[in-house]
C-alpha atoms as a PDB file:
ATOM      1  CA  MET A   1       1.449   0.132  27.535  1.00  0.00           C
ATOM      2  CA  HIS A   2       3.177  -2.033  24.538  1.00  0.00           C
ATOM      3  CA  ALA A   3      -0.286  -4.106  24.597  1.00  0.00           C
ATOM      4  CA  VAL A   4      -2.537  -0.636  24.397  1.00  0.00           C
ATOM      5  CA  SER A   5      -1.269   0.445  21.695  1.00  0.00           C
ATOM      6  CA  ALA A   6      -1.671  -2.994  19.825  1.00  0.00           C
ATOM      7  CA  ALA A   7      -5.382  -3.002  20.770  1.00  0.00           C
ATOM      8  CA  GLU A   8      -5.906   0.366  19.496  1.00  0.00           C
ATOM      9  CA  ASP A   9      -4.115  -0.966  16.230  1.00  0.00           C
ATOM     10  CA  SER A  10      -6.255  -4.032  15.734  1.00  0.00           C
ATOM     11  CA  PRO A  11      -9.743  -1.261  14.860  1.00  0.00           C
ATOM     12  CA  LYS A  12      -7.447   0.554  11.745  1.00  0.00           C
ATOM     13  CA  GLN A  13      -6.198  -2.750  10.622  1.00  0.00           C
ATOM     14  CA  ASP A  14      -9.707  -4.615  10.163  1.00  0.00           C
ATOM     15  CA  ARG A  15     -10.905  -1.253   8.949  1.00  0.00           C
ATOM     16  CA  GLY A  16      -8.298  -1.292   6.683  1.00  0.00           C
ATOM     17  CA  GLU A  17      -8.200  -4.927   5.470  1.00  0.00           C
ATOM     18  CA  ALA A  18     -11.884  -4.431   4.747  1.00  0.00           C
ATOM     19  CA  GLU A  19     -10.954  -1.655   2.360  1.00  0.00           C
ATOM     20  CA  LEU A  20      -7.879  -3.522   1.121  1.00  0.00           C
ATOM     21  CA  ALA A  21     -10.331  -6.542   0.431  1.00  0.00           C
ATOM     22  CA  LYS A  22     -13.000  -4.243  -1.589  1.00  0.00           C
ATOM     23  CA  VAL A  23     -10.723  -2.578  -3.557  1.00  0.00           C
ATOM     24  CA  LEU A  24      -9.512  -5.934  -4.621  1.00  0.00           C
ATOM     25  CA  GLU A  25     -12.399  -7.675  -5.309  1.00  0.00           C
ATOM     26  CA  GLY A  26     -12.904  -9.952  -8.515  1.00  0.00           C
ATOM     27  CA  ARG A  27      -9.211  -9.465  -8.670  1.00  0.00           C
ATOM     28  CA  VAL A  28      -6.033 -12.375  -8.569  1.00  0.00           C
ATOM     29  CA  ALA A  29      -2.764 -11.306  -7.364  1.00  0.00           C
ATOM     30  CA  GLY A  30       0.651 -12.142  -9.564  1.00  0.00           C
ATOM     31  CA  GLU A  31       4.172 -12.545  -8.884  1.00  0.00           C
ATOM     32  CA  PRO A  32       5.727  -9.867  -6.720  1.00  0.00           C
ATOM     33  CA  VAL A  33       7.940  -7.724  -8.429  1.00  0.00           C
ATOM     34  CA  LYS A  34      10.772  -5.527  -6.591  1.00  0.00           C
ATOM     35  CA  CYS A  35      10.423  -2.151  -8.157  1.00  0.00           C
ATOM     36  CA  LEU A  36       7.453   0.195  -9.747  1.00  0.00           C
ATOM     37  CA  HIS A  37       9.089   2.351 -12.736  1.00  0.00           C
ATOM     38  CA  GLN A  38       7.450   6.570 -12.494  1.00  0.00           C
ATOM     39  CA  SER A  39       4.442   5.865 -14.626  1.00  0.00           C
ATOM     40  CA  GLN A  40       3.561   2.836 -12.908  1.00  0.00           C
ATOM     41  CA  ARG A  41       3.030   4.932  -9.462  1.00  0.00           C
ATOM     42  CA  ASP A  42       1.088   7.869 -10.134  1.00  0.00           C
ATOM     43  CA  ARG A  43      -2.402   6.985  -9.127  1.00  0.00           C
ATOM     44  CA  LEU A  44      -1.404   6.387  -4.582  1.00  0.00           C
ATOM     45  CA  GLN A  45      -4.354   5.017  -2.300  1.00  0.00           C
ATOM     46  CA  VAL A  46      -3.257   5.210   1.530  1.00  0.00           C
ATOM     47  CA  ILE A  47      -4.773   2.473   3.370  1.00  0.00           C
ATOM     48  CA  SER A  48      -4.536   2.692   7.508  1.00  0.00           C
ATOM     49  CA  GLY A  49      -3.079   0.257   9.161  1.00  0.00           C
ATOM     50  CA  THR A  50      -3.273  -1.690   5.632  1.00  0.00           C
ATOM     51  CA  ALA A  51      -0.643  -1.033   2.324  1.00  0.00           C
ATOM     52  CA  LEU A  52      -0.123   1.874   0.099  1.00  0.00           C
ATOM     53  CA  VAL A  53      -1.937   0.849  -3.315  1.00  0.00           C
ATOM     54  CA  PHE A  54      -0.732   2.339  -6.353  1.00  0.00           C
ATOM     55  CA  ARG A  55      -2.932   2.057  -9.817  1.00  0.00           C
ATOM     56  CA  ASP A  56      -1.029   1.204 -12.938  1.00  0.00           C
ATOM     57  CA  GLY A  57      -4.389   0.595 -16.426  1.00  0.00           C
ATOM     58  CA  LYS A  58      -6.181  -2.239 -15.034  1.00  0.00           C
ATOM     59  CA  THR A  59      -3.535  -3.608 -12.653  1.00  0.00           C
ATOM     60  CA  ILE A  60      -3.175  -2.800  -9.106  1.00  0.00           C
ATOM     61  CA  TYR A  61       0.110  -3.468  -6.902  1.00  0.00           C
ATOM     62  CA  VAL A  62      -0.077  -3.321  -3.499  1.00  0.00           C
ATOM     63  CA  ASN A  63       3.063  -3.065  -1.306  1.00  0.00           C
ATOM     64  CA  ARG A  64       2.183  -3.833   3.111  1.00  0.00           C
ATOM     65  CA  THR A  65       5.432  -2.412   4.044  1.00  0.00           C
ATOM     66  CA  SER A  66       7.519  -3.143   7.109  1.00  0.00           C
ATOM     67  CA  SER A  67       5.307  -1.564   9.508  1.00  0.00           C
ATOM     68  CA  PRO A  68       2.167  -1.318   8.438  1.00  0.00           C
ATOM     69  CA  ARG A  69       0.714   0.220  11.542  1.00  0.00           C
ATOM     70  CA  PHE A  70       2.493   2.805  10.855  1.00  0.00           C
ATOM     71  CA  ILE A  71       0.483   4.280   7.901  1.00  0.00           C
ATOM     72  CA  SER A  72      -2.001   6.567   7.688  1.00  0.00           C
ATOM     73  CA  ASN A  73      -4.436   8.152   5.421  1.00  0.00           C
ATOM     74  CA  PHE A  74      -3.799  11.588   7.361  1.00  0.00           C
ATOM     75  CA  ASP A  75      -0.333  11.673   7.173  1.00  0.00           C
ATOM     76  CA  LEU A  76       1.083  13.166   3.742  1.00  0.00           C
ATOM     77  CA  PRO A  77       3.519  10.145   2.203  1.00  0.00           C
ATOM     78  CA  VAL A  78       7.296  10.740   1.397  1.00  0.00           C
ATOM     79  CA  PHE A  79       8.721   8.750  -0.499  1.00  0.00           C
ATOM     80  CA  LYS A  80      12.760   8.440  -0.365  1.00  0.00           C
ATOM     81  CA  PRO A  81      13.848   6.409  -3.768  1.00  0.00           C
ATOM     82  CA  PHE A  82      17.462   5.363  -4.153  1.00  0.00           C
ATOM     83  CA  GLY A  83      17.186   5.733  -8.022  1.00  0.00           C
ATOM     84  CA  SER A  84      14.858   6.926 -10.078  1.00  0.00           C
ATOM     85  CA  ASN A  85      12.084   3.603  -8.954  1.00  0.00           C
ATOM     86  CA  LEU A  86      10.337   3.348  -6.036  1.00  0.00           C
ATOM     87  CA  CYS A  87      11.891  -0.442  -5.080  1.00  0.00           C
ATOM     88  CA  LYS A  88      11.977  -3.032  -2.380  1.00  0.00           C
ATOM     89  CA  LEU A  89      13.317  -1.682   0.445  1.00  0.00           C
ATOM     90  CA  ASP A  90      13.295   2.383   0.143  1.00  0.00           C
ATOM     91  CA  GLN A  91      11.760   4.069   2.492  1.00  0.00           C
ATOM     92  CA  VAL A  92       8.315   6.045   3.157  1.00  0.00           C
ATOM     93  CA  GLU A  93       8.102   9.054   5.990  1.00  0.00           C
ATOM     94  CA  PHE A  94       4.266   9.696   7.253  1.00  0.00           C
ATOM     95  CA  ARG A  95       4.897  13.368   7.983  1.00  0.00           C
ATOM     96  CA  ASP A  96       1.727  15.271   9.501  1.00  0.00           C
ATOM     97  CA  ARG A  97      -0.578  17.288   6.930  1.00  0.00           C
ATOM     98  CA  THR A  98      -0.716  20.303   8.783  1.00  0.00           C
ATOM     99  CA  MET A  99       2.691  21.130  10.026  1.00  0.00           C
ATOM    100  CA  LEU A 100       4.430  18.602   7.554  1.00  0.00           C
ATOM    101  CA  MET A 101       5.834  17.459  11.300  1.00  0.00           C
ATOM    102  CA  PRO A 102       8.178  13.957  10.707  1.00  0.00           C
ATOM    103  CA  GLY A 103       6.541  11.085  11.554  1.00  0.00           C
ATOM    104  CA  PRO A 104       7.272   6.974  11.105  1.00  0.00           C
ATOM    105  CA  VAL A 105       9.300   6.016   8.628  1.00  0.00           C
ATOM    106  CA  VAL A 106       8.722   2.310   6.967  1.00  0.00           C
ATOM    107  CA  THR A 107      10.410   0.160   4.327  1.00  0.00           C
ATOM    108  CA  LEU A 108       8.884  -0.746   1.040  1.00  0.00           C
ATOM    109  CA  THR A 109       8.191  -4.573   0.559  1.00  0.00           C
ATOM    110  CA  GLU A 110       7.816  -5.842  -2.620  1.00  0.00           C
ATOM    111  CA  PHE A 111       4.937  -4.845  -4.661  1.00  0.00           C
ATOM    112  CA  ILE A 112       1.744  -7.377  -5.245  1.00  0.00           C
ATOM    113  CA  PRO A 113       0.332  -6.909  -8.739  1.00  0.00           C
ATOM    114  CA  TYR A 114      -3.634  -7.944  -8.996  1.00  0.00           C
ATOM    115  CA  THR A 115      -5.539  -8.192 -11.922  1.00  0.00           C
ATOM    116  CA  LYS A 116      -8.895  -8.649 -12.516  1.00  0.00           C
ATOM    117  CA  ALA A 117     -10.090 -12.303 -13.127  1.00  0.00           C
ATOM    118  CA  GLU A 118     -10.363 -13.439 -16.039  1.00  0.00           C
ATOM    119  CA  GLU A 119     -14.279 -14.135 -17.263  1.00  0.00           C
ATOM    120  CA  PRO A 120     -14.894 -17.840 -17.750  1.00  0.00           C
ATOM    121  CA  ASP A 121     -16.168 -18.588 -21.635  1.00  0.00           C
ATOM    122  CA  ASN A 122     -19.624 -19.798 -21.448  1.00  0.00           C
ATOM    123  CA  GLY A 123     -19.195 -21.027 -25.516  1.00  0.00           C
ATOM    124  CA  ASP A 124     -21.989 -18.776 -26.712  1.00  0.00           C
END
């Protein structure tokens, strides 16, 4: 049965990776950060089977979590930070949107910032 669930996860992960690649197109990764302040996580995009994506101005932060296969954009993420910032090792519980039934819990990893690649100077 485990092999069946892994096979079912693969298409979801492939779609998620393609969606994430589109979001990050033209961007370059920076040094990972351990925490995001409240102001850095106002806009959240959940990419099923792949990552949580936070937008802060021109910067996009990607967190793949400890178990990306449990990430679902059909579920409501409930963040459980230990402090006022959202940090590595904080937990996220995914709940069914209709009945709010508790679901999988994942642990956040480091946040990878992505910014737009600088345009080359043409010397004009």
